[in-house]
């Protein structure tokens, strides 16, 4: 079915984008410290376009997964809006590179930061709303995995927020309170895993709606 194909295309795009970013991370180990440097550091320099394309693939794959979830009636309005907000945030990160704030503010850097914030906050919300297992009895196992990963992403966000508050109370810059690169990568891995779980959730061969359509005539016949 076309709706399932969209989810599979989305998973393929997400997998490709993640593989490229992981390769950039491994290739840059001799130049950058992944414990302190954020993922967006790969957007700087001559090879920044590679990182931009990889993030754009991740965003496009997320849109395809979202379309499949909507078409199979697995995602409602709020979950879809949250998932699309994640995608828009990623597109902003892909197009507007990370900025060196030590040289002063910039519009591009502000958009990049806002896009990152929107993306990281939206995906956990989308996963928790869409994959609520009690709404998907026929797919409870798949929904439970996506829901658990969504909750894990929420815990990452809450932990980061707590560290920011600790830094503010002690007069420390928020990015000095924690190993920012490591924390961001942990959050990113959990969120991408939740996204993949949503993609698998949407890509199942027999959607809930389809099974209901098949079972409805049988139920009606048994009532006669």
N, C-alpha and C. Protein backbone atom coordinates (compact mmCIF):
# COMPACT_ATOMS: atom_id res chain seq x y z
N UNK A 1 0.83 -1.19 0.00
CA UNK A 1 0.00 0.00 0.00
C UNK A 1 0.87 1.25 0.00
N UNK A 2 0.34 2.32 -0.63
CA UNK A 2 1.10 3.56 -0.76
C UNK A 2 1.44 4.16 0.60
N UNK A 3 0.48 4.08 1.55
CA UNK A 3 0.74 4.67 2.87
C UNK A 3 1.90 3.97 3.57
N UNK A 4 1.97 2.65 3.42
CA UNK A 4 3.07 1.90 4.01
C UNK A 4 4.38 2.21 3.30
N UNK A 5 4.31 2.41 1.97
CA UNK A 5 5.50 2.74 1.21
C UNK A 5 6.07 4.07 1.66
N UNK A 6 5.20 5.03 1.98
CA UNK A 6 5.67 6.33 2.48
C UNK A 6 6.45 6.16 3.77
N UNK A 7 5.95 5.31 4.66
CA UNK A 7 6.66 5.06 5.92
C UNK A 7 8.01 4.40 5.65
N UNK A 8 8.07 3.48 4.70
CA UNK A 8 9.34 2.81 4.40
C UNK A 8 10.33 3.78 3.77
N UNK A 9 9.84 4.63 2.86
CA UNK A 9 10.71 5.66 2.29
C UNK A 9 11.23 6.58 3.40
N UNK A 10 10.34 6.94 4.30
CA UNK A 10 10.73 7.79 5.41
C UNK A 10 11.81 7.15 6.27
N UNK A 11 11.63 5.86 6.58
CA UNK A 11 12.63 5.15 7.37
C UNK A 11 13.97 5.08 6.63
N UNK A 12 13.92 4.90 5.32
CA UNK A 12 15.15 4.88 4.53
C UNK A 12 15.87 6.21 4.55
N UNK A 13 15.11 7.31 4.42
CA UNK A 13 15.71 8.64 4.45
C UNK A 13 16.30 8.93 5.83
N UNK A 14 15.56 8.56 6.87
CA UNK A 14 16.05 8.77 8.23
C UNK A 14 17.34 7.96 8.46
N UNK A 15 17.34 6.72 8.05
CA UNK A 15 18.51 5.88 8.22
C UNK A 15 19.73 6.43 7.48
N UNK A 16 19.51 6.93 6.26
CA UNK A 16 20.62 7.49 5.49
C UNK A 16 21.17 8.74 6.16
N UNK A 17 20.27 9.63 6.58
CA UNK A 17 20.71 10.86 7.25
C UNK A 17 21.48 10.56 8.52
N UNK A 18 20.99 9.63 9.32
CA UNK A 18 21.67 9.29 10.58
C UNK A 18 23.03 8.66 10.29
N UNK A 19 23.11 7.81 9.28
CA UNK A 19 24.39 7.16 8.94
C UNK A 19 25.43 8.19 8.53
N UNK A 20 25.02 9.20 7.76
CA UNK A 20 25.96 10.25 7.34
C UNK A 20 26.45 11.05 8.54
N UNK A 21 25.53 11.41 9.43
CA UNK A 21 25.92 12.19 10.62
C UNK A 21 26.85 11.37 11.51
N UNK A 22 26.56 10.08 11.66
CA UNK A 22 27.42 9.22 12.47
C UNK A 22 28.82 9.12 11.84
N UNK A 23 28.86 9.05 10.51
CA UNK A 23 30.15 9.00 9.82
C UNK A 23 30.94 10.29 10.03
N UNK A 24 30.25 11.43 9.99
CA UNK A 24 30.91 12.71 10.26
C UNK A 24 31.45 12.74 11.67
N UNK A 25 30.69 12.20 12.61
CA UNK A 25 31.14 12.16 14.00
C UNK A 25 32.42 11.33 14.14
N UNK A 26 32.43 10.17 13.52
CA UNK A 26 33.59 9.29 13.61
C UNK A 26 34.80 9.90 12.91
N UNK A 27 34.56 10.51 11.76
CA UNK A 27 35.67 11.11 11.00
C UNK A 27 36.27 12.31 11.72
N UNK A 28 35.47 12.96 12.57
CA UNK A 28 35.95 14.17 13.24
C UNK A 28 36.47 13.95 14.64
N UNK A 29 36.63 12.69 15.07
CA UNK A 29 37.08 12.42 16.43
C UNK A 29 38.47 12.97 16.72
N UNK A 30 39.31 13.08 15.70
CA UNK A 30 40.66 13.59 15.91
C UNK A 30 40.72 15.11 15.98
N UNK A 31 39.59 15.77 15.65
CA UNK A 31 39.57 17.24 15.64
C UNK A 31 38.64 17.84 16.67
N UNK A 32 37.59 17.14 17.02
CA UNK A 32 36.60 17.69 17.96
C UNK A 32 36.35 16.72 19.11
N UNK A 33 35.97 17.27 20.23
CA UNK A 33 35.65 16.47 21.40
C UNK A 33 34.14 16.25 21.46
N UNK A 34 33.65 15.02 21.19
CA UNK A 34 32.20 14.77 21.17
C UNK A 34 31.54 14.94 22.53
N UNK A 35 32.35 14.98 23.60
CA UNK A 35 31.77 15.18 24.92
C UNK A 35 31.35 16.63 25.13
N UNK A 36 32.02 17.55 24.45
CA UNK A 36 31.75 18.97 24.64
C UNK A 36 31.17 19.64 23.41
N UNK A 37 31.56 19.20 22.24
CA UNK A 37 31.12 19.83 21.00
C UNK A 37 29.79 19.26 20.55
N UNK A 38 28.90 20.12 20.11
CA UNK A 38 27.57 19.66 19.70
C UNK A 38 27.61 19.06 18.30
N UNK A 39 26.56 18.37 17.94
CA UNK A 39 26.47 17.74 16.62
C UNK A 39 26.52 18.79 15.52
N UNK A 40 25.94 19.95 15.77
CA UNK A 40 25.87 21.00 14.75
C UNK A 40 27.23 21.55 14.35
N UNK A 41 28.28 21.21 15.11
CA UNK A 41 29.63 21.63 14.73
C UNK A 41 29.99 21.12 13.34
N UNK A 42 29.36 20.02 12.94
CA UNK A 42 29.65 19.47 11.61
C UNK A 42 29.14 20.38 10.50
N UNK A 43 28.27 21.32 10.83
CA UNK A 43 27.75 22.25 9.83
C UNK A 43 28.71 23.37 9.48
N UNK A 44 29.81 23.48 10.21
CA UNK A 44 30.80 24.52 9.96
C UNK A 44 31.90 23.99 9.03
N UNK A 45 32.50 24.85 8.28
CA UNK A 45 33.61 24.45 7.41
C UNK A 45 33.16 24.07 6.02
N UNK A 46 34.12 23.60 5.24
CA UNK A 46 33.87 23.30 3.82
C UNK A 46 32.91 22.14 3.61
N UNK A 47 32.87 21.22 4.55
CA UNK A 47 32.00 20.06 4.42
C UNK A 47 30.66 20.25 5.13
N UNK A 48 30.35 21.47 5.47
CA UNK A 48 29.10 21.73 6.17
C UNK A 48 27.87 21.34 5.38
N UNK A 49 27.98 21.41 4.04
CA UNK A 49 26.82 21.07 3.21
C UNK A 49 26.44 19.58 3.36
N UNK A 50 27.42 18.74 3.65
CA UNK A 50 27.13 17.32 3.85
C UNK A 50 26.23 17.14 5.06
N UNK A 51 26.58 17.84 6.14
CA UNK A 51 25.76 17.78 7.35
C UNK A 51 24.36 18.33 7.07
N UNK A 52 24.29 19.43 6.31
CA UNK A 52 22.99 20.02 5.98
C UNK A 52 22.10 19.06 5.21
N UNK A 53 22.69 18.36 4.24
CA UNK A 53 21.92 17.39 3.45
C UNK A 53 21.45 16.23 4.34
N UNK A 54 22.32 15.78 5.24
CA UNK A 54 21.95 14.67 6.13
C UNK A 54 20.78 15.05 7.04
N UNK A 55 20.81 16.25 7.61
CA UNK A 55 19.72 16.70 8.47
C UNK A 55 18.44 16.90 7.65
N UNK A 56 18.59 17.41 6.43
CA UNK A 56 17.42 17.57 5.56
C UNK A 56 16.78 16.22 5.24
N UNK A 57 17.61 15.20 5.02
CA UNK A 57 17.08 13.84 4.80
C UNK A 57 16.31 13.35 6.01
N UNK A 58 16.84 13.61 7.19
CA UNK A 58 16.17 13.23 8.43
C UNK A 58 14.82 13.93 8.54
N UNK A 59 14.79 15.21 8.19
CA UNK A 59 13.54 15.97 8.24
C UNK A 59 12.54 15.47 7.21
N UNK A 60 13.01 15.21 5.98
CA UNK A 60 12.11 14.73 4.93
C UNK A 60 11.56 13.35 5.28
N UNK A 61 12.42 12.49 5.83
CA UNK A 61 11.95 11.18 6.25
C UNK A 61 10.90 11.28 7.34
N UNK A 62 11.06 12.24 8.23
CA UNK A 62 10.07 12.45 9.30
C UNK A 62 8.72 12.87 8.72
N UNK A 63 8.76 13.72 7.70
CA UNK A 63 7.51 14.14 7.05
C UNK A 63 6.81 12.94 6.42
N UNK A 64 7.59 12.09 5.73
CA UNK A 64 7.00 10.90 5.10
C UNK A 64 6.38 9.97 6.14
N UNK A 65 7.06 9.79 7.26
CA UNK A 65 6.50 8.96 8.33
C UNK A 65 5.23 9.58 8.87
N UNK A 66 5.24 10.91 9.03
CA UNK A 66 4.05 11.60 9.50
C UNK A 66 2.87 11.43 8.57
N UNK A 67 3.12 11.52 7.26
CA UNK A 67 2.05 11.34 6.27
C UNK A 67 1.46 9.94 6.39
N UNK A 68 2.33 8.94 6.54
CA UNK A 68 1.85 7.57 6.67
C UNK A 68 1.02 7.39 7.94
N UNK A 69 1.47 7.99 9.04
CA UNK A 69 0.72 7.89 10.30
C UNK A 69 -0.66 8.52 10.18
N UNK A 70 -0.74 9.64 9.47
CA UNK A 70 -2.03 10.30 9.28
C UNK A 70 -2.94 9.47 8.39
N UNK A 71 -2.38 8.96 7.30
CA UNK A 71 -3.19 8.20 6.34
C UNK A 71 -3.71 6.90 6.94
N UNK A 72 -2.98 6.33 7.88
CA UNK A 72 -3.45 5.10 8.54
C UNK A 72 -4.24 5.40 9.81
N UNK A 73 -4.52 6.67 10.04
CA UNK A 73 -5.31 7.12 11.19
C UNK A 73 -4.68 6.74 12.52
N UNK A 74 -3.37 6.73 12.55
CA UNK A 74 -2.66 6.45 13.79
C UNK A 74 -2.26 7.73 14.51
N UNK A 75 -2.28 8.85 13.80
CA UNK A 75 -1.89 10.14 14.39
C UNK A 75 -3.04 11.12 14.27
N UNK A 76 -3.37 11.78 15.37
CA UNK A 76 -4.38 12.82 15.37
C UNK A 76 -3.77 14.18 15.06
N UNK A 77 -4.54 15.21 15.28
CA UNK A 77 -4.09 16.57 14.94
C UNK A 77 -2.88 16.98 15.77
N UNK A 78 -2.97 16.82 17.08
CA UNK A 78 -1.90 17.31 17.95
C UNK A 78 -0.59 16.55 17.72
N UNK A 79 -0.68 15.24 17.59
CA UNK A 79 0.53 14.47 17.33
C UNK A 79 1.16 14.82 16.00
N UNK A 80 0.31 15.03 14.99
CA UNK A 80 0.82 15.39 13.66
C UNK A 80 1.49 16.75 13.68
N UNK A 81 0.87 17.71 14.35
CA UNK A 81 1.46 19.06 14.44
C UNK A 81 2.81 18.99 15.14
N UNK A 82 2.90 18.21 16.21
CA UNK A 82 4.17 18.09 16.94
C UNK A 82 5.24 17.44 16.06
N UNK A 83 4.88 16.41 15.29
CA UNK A 83 5.84 15.75 14.42
C UNK A 83 6.28 16.67 13.29
N UNK A 84 5.36 17.45 12.74
CA UNK A 84 5.73 18.39 11.69
C UNK A 84 6.59 19.53 12.25
N UNK A 85 6.36 19.92 13.50
CA UNK A 85 7.20 20.95 14.13
C UNK A 85 8.63 20.45 14.25
N UNK A 86 8.79 19.17 14.60
CA UNK A 86 10.12 18.55 14.63
C UNK A 86 10.77 18.64 13.26
N UNK A 87 10.02 18.34 12.21
CA UNK A 87 10.56 18.37 10.85
C UNK A 87 10.95 19.79 10.44
N UNK A 88 10.10 20.75 10.74
CA UNK A 88 10.40 22.15 10.40
C UNK A 88 11.65 22.61 11.15
N UNK A 89 11.74 22.24 12.43
CA UNK A 89 12.93 22.59 13.20
C UNK A 89 14.19 22.01 12.58
N UNK A 90 14.12 20.76 12.10
CA UNK A 90 15.28 20.14 11.47
C UNK A 90 15.64 20.82 10.16
N UNK A 91 14.64 21.20 9.37
CA UNK A 91 14.92 21.92 8.13
C UNK A 91 15.63 23.25 8.43
N UNK A 92 15.21 23.92 9.50
CA UNK A 92 15.87 25.17 9.90
C UNK A 92 17.32 24.92 10.29
N UNK A 93 17.56 23.83 11.03
CA UNK A 93 18.93 23.47 11.41
C UNK A 93 19.78 23.16 10.19
N UNK A 94 19.17 22.49 9.20
CA UNK A 94 19.89 22.13 7.99
C UNK A 94 20.26 23.35 7.15
N UNK A 95 19.37 24.32 7.07
CA UNK A 95 19.59 25.47 6.18
C UNK A 95 20.41 26.57 6.84
N UNK A 96 20.20 26.78 8.14
CA UNK A 96 20.91 27.85 8.84
C UNK A 96 21.98 27.22 9.73
N UNK A 97 23.27 27.43 9.41
CA UNK A 97 24.34 26.75 10.15
C UNK A 97 24.53 27.30 11.57
N UNK A 98 25.20 26.51 12.37
CA UNK A 98 25.55 26.90 13.73
C UNK A 98 26.41 28.16 13.69
N UNK A 99 26.26 29.02 14.70
CA UNK A 99 26.96 30.29 14.72
C UNK A 99 27.94 30.34 15.88
N UNK A 100 29.06 31.03 15.68
CA UNK A 100 30.03 31.26 16.74
C UNK A 100 29.60 32.51 17.51
N UNK A 101 28.97 32.30 18.67
CA UNK A 101 28.39 33.40 19.43
C UNK A 101 29.46 34.28 20.08
N UNK A 102 30.71 33.84 20.09
CA UNK A 102 31.77 34.67 20.67
C UNK A 102 32.05 35.91 19.83
N UNK A 103 31.65 35.90 18.55
CA UNK A 103 31.88 37.06 17.68
C UNK A 103 30.65 37.96 17.61
N UNK A 104 29.63 37.64 18.39
CA UNK A 104 28.43 38.46 18.39
C UNK A 104 27.23 37.71 17.83
N UNK A 105 26.04 38.27 18.01
CA UNK A 105 24.81 37.61 17.55
C UNK A 105 24.66 37.63 16.04
N UNK A 106 23.79 36.74 15.54
CA UNK A 106 23.46 36.73 14.10
C UNK A 106 22.06 36.18 13.93
N UNK A 107 21.39 36.63 12.88
CA UNK A 107 20.04 36.14 12.59
C UNK A 107 20.07 34.65 12.26
N UNK A 108 21.04 34.23 11.45
CA UNK A 108 21.15 32.82 11.06
C UNK A 108 21.37 31.93 12.28
N UNK A 109 22.26 32.38 13.18
CA UNK A 109 22.52 31.60 14.38
C UNK A 109 21.32 31.51 15.29
N UNK A 110 20.55 32.60 15.37
CA UNK A 110 19.34 32.59 16.20
C UNK A 110 18.30 31.64 15.65
N UNK A 111 18.16 31.61 14.31
CA UNK A 111 17.21 30.69 13.69
C UNK A 111 17.65 29.25 13.90
N UNK A 112 18.95 29.01 13.78
CA UNK A 112 19.48 27.66 14.02
C UNK A 112 19.18 27.20 15.45
N UNK A 113 19.42 28.07 16.40
CA UNK A 113 19.18 27.72 17.80
C UNK A 113 17.69 27.48 18.04
N UNK A 114 16.83 28.35 17.48
CA UNK A 114 15.39 28.18 17.66
C UNK A 114 14.92 26.88 17.02
N UNK A 115 15.44 26.58 15.82
CA UNK A 115 15.07 25.34 15.15
C UNK A 115 15.45 24.12 15.96
N UNK A 116 16.65 24.14 16.55
CA UNK A 116 17.10 23.03 17.39
C UNK A 116 16.19 22.85 18.58
N UNK A 117 15.83 23.96 19.22
CA UNK A 117 14.98 23.90 20.41
C UNK A 117 13.60 23.34 20.06
N UNK A 118 13.02 23.84 18.96
CA UNK A 118 11.70 23.37 18.54
C UNK A 118 11.75 21.87 18.23
N UNK A 119 12.79 21.46 17.52
CA UNK A 119 12.89 20.04 17.15
C UNK A 119 13.02 19.15 18.37
N UNK A 120 13.95 19.49 19.26
CA UNK A 120 14.20 18.63 20.42
C UNK A 120 13.01 18.57 21.37
N UNK A 121 12.21 19.62 21.42
CA UNK A 121 11.04 19.62 22.30
C UNK A 121 9.83 18.94 21.65
N UNK A 122 9.74 19.03 20.33
CA UNK A 122 8.54 18.55 19.64
C UNK A 122 8.49 17.04 19.47
N UNK A 123 9.64 16.42 19.17
CA UNK A 123 9.63 14.99 18.90
C UNK A 123 9.17 14.16 20.10
N UNK A 124 9.65 14.43 21.33
CA UNK A 124 9.12 13.66 22.47
C UNK A 124 7.62 13.80 22.62
N UNK A 125 7.12 15.02 22.42
CA UNK A 125 5.69 15.26 22.51
C UNK A 125 4.94 14.46 21.46
N UNK A 126 5.46 14.46 20.23
CA UNK A 126 4.82 13.73 19.15
C UNK A 126 4.78 12.23 19.43
N UNK A 127 5.90 11.67 19.90
CA UNK A 127 5.96 10.23 20.15
C UNK A 127 4.99 9.82 21.26
N UNK A 128 4.93 10.60 22.33
CA UNK A 128 4.05 10.27 23.45
C UNK A 128 2.58 10.37 23.05
N UNK A 129 2.24 11.41 22.28
CA UNK A 129 0.84 11.60 21.88
C UNK A 129 0.40 10.55 20.86
N UNK A 130 1.23 10.32 19.85
CA UNK A 130 0.84 9.42 18.76
C UNK A 130 0.81 7.97 19.21
N UNK A 131 1.78 7.57 20.01
CA UNK A 131 1.96 6.15 20.32
C UNK A 131 1.32 5.72 21.62
N UNK A 132 0.40 6.50 22.16
CA UNK A 132 -0.26 6.06 23.39
C UNK A 132 -0.82 4.65 23.20
N UNK A 133 -0.25 3.66 23.89
CA UNK A 133 -0.60 2.27 23.61
C UNK A 133 -2.05 1.92 23.87
N UNK A 134 -2.69 2.64 24.79
CA UNK A 134 -4.09 2.32 25.08
C UNK A 134 -5.03 2.76 23.96
N UNK A 135 -4.53 3.52 22.98
CA UNK A 135 -5.35 3.91 21.83
C UNK A 135 -5.18 2.95 20.67
N UNK A 136 -4.24 2.03 20.76
CA UNK A 136 -3.91 1.15 19.62
C UNK A 136 -3.86 -0.30 20.10
N UNK A 137 -4.99 -0.84 20.44
CA UNK A 137 -5.04 -2.20 20.97
C UNK A 137 -4.45 -3.22 19.99
N UNK A 138 -4.68 -3.00 18.68
CA UNK A 138 -4.21 -3.95 17.68
C UNK A 138 -2.70 -3.88 17.48
N UNK A 139 -2.10 -2.78 17.91
CA UNK A 139 -0.67 -2.60 17.72
C UNK A 139 0.01 -2.25 19.03
N UNK A 140 -0.45 -2.81 20.07
CA UNK A 140 0.01 -2.41 21.40
C UNK A 140 1.52 -2.55 21.57
N UNK A 141 2.10 -3.62 21.06
CA UNK A 141 3.54 -3.83 21.24
C UNK A 141 4.34 -2.73 20.55
N UNK A 142 4.00 -2.42 19.30
CA UNK A 142 4.71 -1.39 18.56
C UNK A 142 4.49 -0.01 19.20
N UNK A 143 3.26 0.24 19.63
CA UNK A 143 2.96 1.51 20.26
C UNK A 143 3.71 1.66 21.57
N UNK A 144 3.84 0.58 22.31
CA UNK A 144 4.50 0.63 23.61
C UNK A 144 5.98 0.99 23.46
N UNK A 145 6.63 0.44 22.44
CA UNK A 145 8.04 0.74 22.20
C UNK A 145 8.22 2.23 21.88
N UNK A 146 7.42 2.73 20.94
CA UNK A 146 7.50 4.14 20.57
C UNK A 146 7.17 5.05 21.75
N UNK A 147 6.17 4.65 22.53
CA UNK A 147 5.77 5.45 23.69
C UNK A 147 6.88 5.49 24.73
N UNK A 148 7.52 4.36 24.98
CA UNK A 148 8.61 4.30 25.97
C UNK A 148 9.79 5.16 25.53
N UNK A 149 10.12 5.11 24.25
CA UNK A 149 11.22 5.94 23.75
C UNK A 149 10.85 7.42 23.81
N UNK A 150 9.57 7.73 23.57
CA UNK A 150 9.12 9.10 23.72
C UNK A 150 9.27 9.59 25.15
N UNK A 151 8.90 8.73 26.11
CA UNK A 151 9.07 9.09 27.52
C UNK A 151 10.55 9.25 27.87
N UNK A 152 11.38 8.40 27.29
CA UNK A 152 12.82 8.53 27.51
C UNK A 152 13.34 9.87 27.02
N UNK A 153 12.84 10.32 25.87
CA UNK A 153 13.22 11.63 25.33
C UNK A 153 12.76 12.75 26.25
N UNK A 154 11.56 12.59 26.79
CA UNK A 154 11.05 13.59 27.74
C UNK A 154 11.97 13.69 28.96
N UNK A 155 12.43 12.55 29.45
CA UNK A 155 13.32 12.55 30.61
C UNK A 155 14.64 13.24 30.30
N UNK A 156 15.15 13.06 29.10
CA UNK A 156 16.36 13.77 28.69
C UNK A 156 16.13 15.28 28.74
N UNK A 157 15.00 15.72 28.17
CA UNK A 157 14.69 17.15 28.13
C UNK A 157 14.55 17.71 29.54
N UNK A 158 13.86 16.97 30.41
CA UNK A 158 13.69 17.41 31.80
C UNK A 158 15.04 17.50 32.50
N UNK A 159 15.91 16.52 32.26
CA UNK A 159 17.23 16.54 32.87
C UNK A 159 18.06 17.74 32.41
N UNK A 160 17.99 18.04 31.12
CA UNK A 160 18.72 19.20 30.60
C UNK A 160 18.18 20.48 31.22
N UNK A 161 16.85 20.57 31.31
CA UNK A 161 16.25 21.75 31.94
C UNK A 161 16.69 21.92 33.39
N UNK A 162 16.80 20.80 34.11
CA UNK A 162 17.25 20.85 35.51
C UNK A 162 18.69 21.35 35.60
N UNK A 163 19.55 20.90 34.69
CA UNK A 163 20.93 21.35 34.68
C UNK A 163 21.05 22.84 34.37
N UNK A 164 20.20 23.31 33.47
CA UNK A 164 20.19 24.74 33.15
C UNK A 164 19.82 25.56 34.38
N UNK A 165 18.84 25.08 35.14
CA UNK A 165 18.44 25.78 36.37
C UNK A 165 19.57 25.77 37.40
N UNK A 166 20.26 24.63 37.51
CA UNK A 166 21.39 24.54 38.44
C UNK A 166 22.47 25.55 38.06
N UNK A 167 22.76 25.64 36.76
CA UNK A 167 23.75 26.60 36.31
C UNK A 167 23.34 28.03 36.58
N UNK A 168 22.06 28.34 36.36
CA UNK A 168 21.57 29.70 36.58
C UNK A 168 21.68 30.08 38.06
N UNK A 169 21.39 29.14 38.94
CA UNK A 169 21.45 29.43 40.38
C UNK A 169 22.88 29.61 40.87
N UNK A 170 23.84 29.00 40.17
CA UNK A 170 25.24 29.09 40.59
C UNK A 170 26.05 30.04 39.73
N UNK A 171 25.37 30.78 38.87
CA UNK A 171 26.06 31.75 38.04
C UNK A 171 26.96 31.15 36.98
N UNK A 172 26.63 29.95 36.52
CA UNK A 172 27.43 29.28 35.51
C UNK A 172 26.70 29.25 34.17
N UNK A 173 27.40 29.38 33.06
CA UNK A 173 26.76 29.22 31.76
C UNK A 173 26.15 27.83 31.64
N UNK A 174 24.96 27.73 31.08
CA UNK A 174 24.27 26.44 31.03
C UNK A 174 25.06 25.38 30.28
N UNK A 175 25.85 25.81 29.27
CA UNK A 175 26.59 24.83 28.49
C UNK A 175 27.85 24.36 29.21
N UNK A 176 28.15 24.93 30.40
CA UNK A 176 29.30 24.49 31.18
C UNK A 176 28.90 23.55 32.33
N UNK A 177 27.62 23.44 32.57
CA UNK A 177 27.14 22.65 33.70
C UNK A 177 27.20 21.16 33.40
N UNK A 178 27.15 20.80 32.12
CA UNK A 178 27.08 19.40 31.73
C UNK A 178 27.96 19.18 30.50
N UNK A 179 28.35 17.95 30.20
CA UNK A 179 29.06 17.65 28.94
C UNK A 179 28.07 17.77 27.78
N UNK A 180 27.94 18.97 27.25
CA UNK A 180 26.86 19.28 26.33
C UNK A 180 26.83 18.36 25.12
N UNK A 181 28.00 18.08 24.54
CA UNK A 181 28.03 17.22 23.36
C UNK A 181 27.50 15.83 23.65
N UNK A 182 27.91 15.26 24.79
CA UNK A 182 27.45 13.92 25.16
C UNK A 182 25.96 13.91 25.44
N UNK A 183 25.48 14.91 26.18
CA UNK A 183 24.07 14.98 26.52
C UNK A 183 23.22 15.16 25.26
N UNK A 184 23.66 16.04 24.36
CA UNK A 184 22.91 16.26 23.13
C UNK A 184 22.85 14.99 22.29
N UNK A 185 23.95 14.28 22.22
CA UNK A 185 23.96 13.04 21.44
C UNK A 185 23.07 11.98 22.07
N UNK A 186 23.05 11.92 23.40
CA UNK A 186 22.16 10.98 24.06
C UNK A 186 20.70 11.30 23.77
N UNK A 187 20.36 12.59 23.82
CA UNK A 187 19.00 13.00 23.50
C UNK A 187 18.68 12.70 22.05
N UNK A 188 19.62 13.02 21.14
CA UNK A 188 19.38 12.80 19.71
C UNK A 188 19.17 11.33 19.40
N UNK A 189 19.98 10.46 19.99
CA UNK A 189 19.85 9.02 19.74
C UNK A 189 18.49 8.53 20.21
N UNK A 190 18.07 8.96 21.39
CA UNK A 190 16.78 8.53 21.93
C UNK A 190 15.63 9.03 21.05
N UNK A 191 15.71 10.28 20.60
CA UNK A 191 14.64 10.84 19.79
C UNK A 191 14.57 10.19 18.42
N UNK A 192 15.72 9.95 17.81
CA UNK A 192 15.71 9.28 16.50
C UNK A 192 15.19 7.86 16.64
N UNK A 193 15.54 7.19 17.74
CA UNK A 193 15.00 5.85 17.97
C UNK A 193 13.48 5.90 18.10
N UNK A 194 12.96 6.92 18.78
CA UNK A 194 11.51 7.08 18.89
C UNK A 194 10.89 7.33 17.52
N UNK A 195 11.57 8.13 16.69
CA UNK A 195 11.08 8.39 15.34
C UNK A 195 11.04 7.11 14.51
N UNK A 196 12.10 6.32 14.60
CA UNK A 196 12.15 5.04 13.87
C UNK A 196 11.04 4.12 14.35
N UNK A 197 10.80 4.10 15.65
CA UNK A 197 9.72 3.27 16.19
C UNK A 197 8.37 3.72 15.64
N UNK A 198 8.18 5.03 15.50
CA UNK A 198 6.94 5.53 14.89
C UNK A 198 6.85 5.11 13.43
N UNK A 199 8.00 5.12 12.73
CA UNK A 199 8.00 4.69 11.34
C UNK A 199 7.64 3.22 11.19
N UNK A 200 8.19 2.38 12.06
CA UNK A 200 7.84 0.95 12.04
C UNK A 200 6.37 0.77 12.41
N UNK A 201 5.91 1.56 13.36
CA UNK A 201 4.52 1.56 13.79
C UNK A 201 3.60 1.81 12.60
N UNK A 202 3.99 2.78 11.73
CA UNK A 202 3.18 3.13 10.57
C UNK A 202 3.34 2.15 9.41
N UNK A 203 4.48 1.47 9.35
CA UNK A 203 4.80 0.63 8.20
C UNK A 203 4.28 -0.79 8.30
N UNK A 204 3.55 -1.12 9.34
CA UNK A 204 3.02 -2.48 9.45
C UNK A 204 2.13 -2.81 8.27
N UNK A 205 2.14 -4.08 7.88
CA UNK A 205 1.44 -4.49 6.67
C UNK A 205 -0.08 -4.31 6.77
N UNK A 206 -0.65 -4.54 7.95
CA UNK A 206 -2.10 -4.48 8.11
C UNK A 206 -2.47 -3.36 9.06
N UNK A 207 -2.86 -2.18 8.57
CA UNK A 207 -3.23 -1.09 9.46
C UNK A 207 -4.49 -1.38 10.23
N UNK A 208 -4.67 -0.68 11.35
CA UNK A 208 -5.83 -0.88 12.20
C UNK A 208 -7.11 -0.62 11.44
N UNK A 209 -7.14 0.48 10.66
CA UNK A 209 -8.35 0.83 9.93
C UNK A 209 -8.75 -0.28 8.97
N UNK A 210 -7.69 -0.86 8.31
CA UNK A 210 -7.98 -1.90 7.35
C UNK A 210 -8.57 -3.13 8.00
N UNK A 211 -8.06 -3.48 9.17
CA UNK A 211 -8.57 -4.66 9.88
C UNK A 211 -9.99 -4.42 10.36
N UNK A 212 -10.29 -3.20 10.78
CA UNK A 212 -11.63 -2.89 11.21
C UNK A 212 -12.61 -3.02 10.05
N UNK A 213 -12.15 -2.58 8.85
CA UNK A 213 -13.01 -2.67 7.68
C UNK A 213 -13.29 -4.12 7.31
N UNK A 214 -12.29 -4.99 7.52
CA UNK A 214 -12.48 -6.40 7.20
C UNK A 214 -13.39 -7.07 8.21
N UNK A 215 -13.22 -6.72 9.50
CA UNK A 215 -13.97 -7.38 10.56
C UNK A 215 -15.41 -6.89 10.67
N UNK A 216 -15.67 -5.67 10.20
CA UNK A 216 -17.00 -5.09 10.36
C UNK A 216 -18.08 -5.94 9.70
N UNK A 217 -17.93 -6.38 8.40
CA UNK A 217 -18.97 -7.21 7.79
C UNK A 217 -19.18 -8.53 8.53
N UNK A 218 -18.09 -9.11 9.07
CA UNK A 218 -18.20 -10.37 9.80
C UNK A 218 -19.03 -10.19 11.06
N UNK A 219 -18.76 -9.07 11.76
CA UNK A 219 -19.51 -8.78 12.98
C UNK A 219 -20.98 -8.55 12.68
N UNK A 220 -21.23 -7.81 11.58
CA UNK A 220 -22.62 -7.53 11.21
C UNK A 220 -23.36 -8.82 10.86
N UNK A 221 -22.67 -9.73 10.17
CA UNK A 221 -23.30 -10.99 9.76
C UNK A 221 -23.63 -11.84 10.98
N UNK A 222 -22.71 -11.80 12.01
CA UNK A 222 -22.96 -12.64 13.19
C UNK A 222 -24.11 -12.13 14.03
N UNK A 223 -24.47 -10.85 13.86
CA UNK A 223 -25.57 -10.28 14.65
C UNK A 223 -26.93 -10.61 14.04
N UNK A 224 -26.94 -11.09 12.85
CA UNK A 224 -28.22 -11.38 12.19
C UNK A 224 -28.85 -12.66 12.76
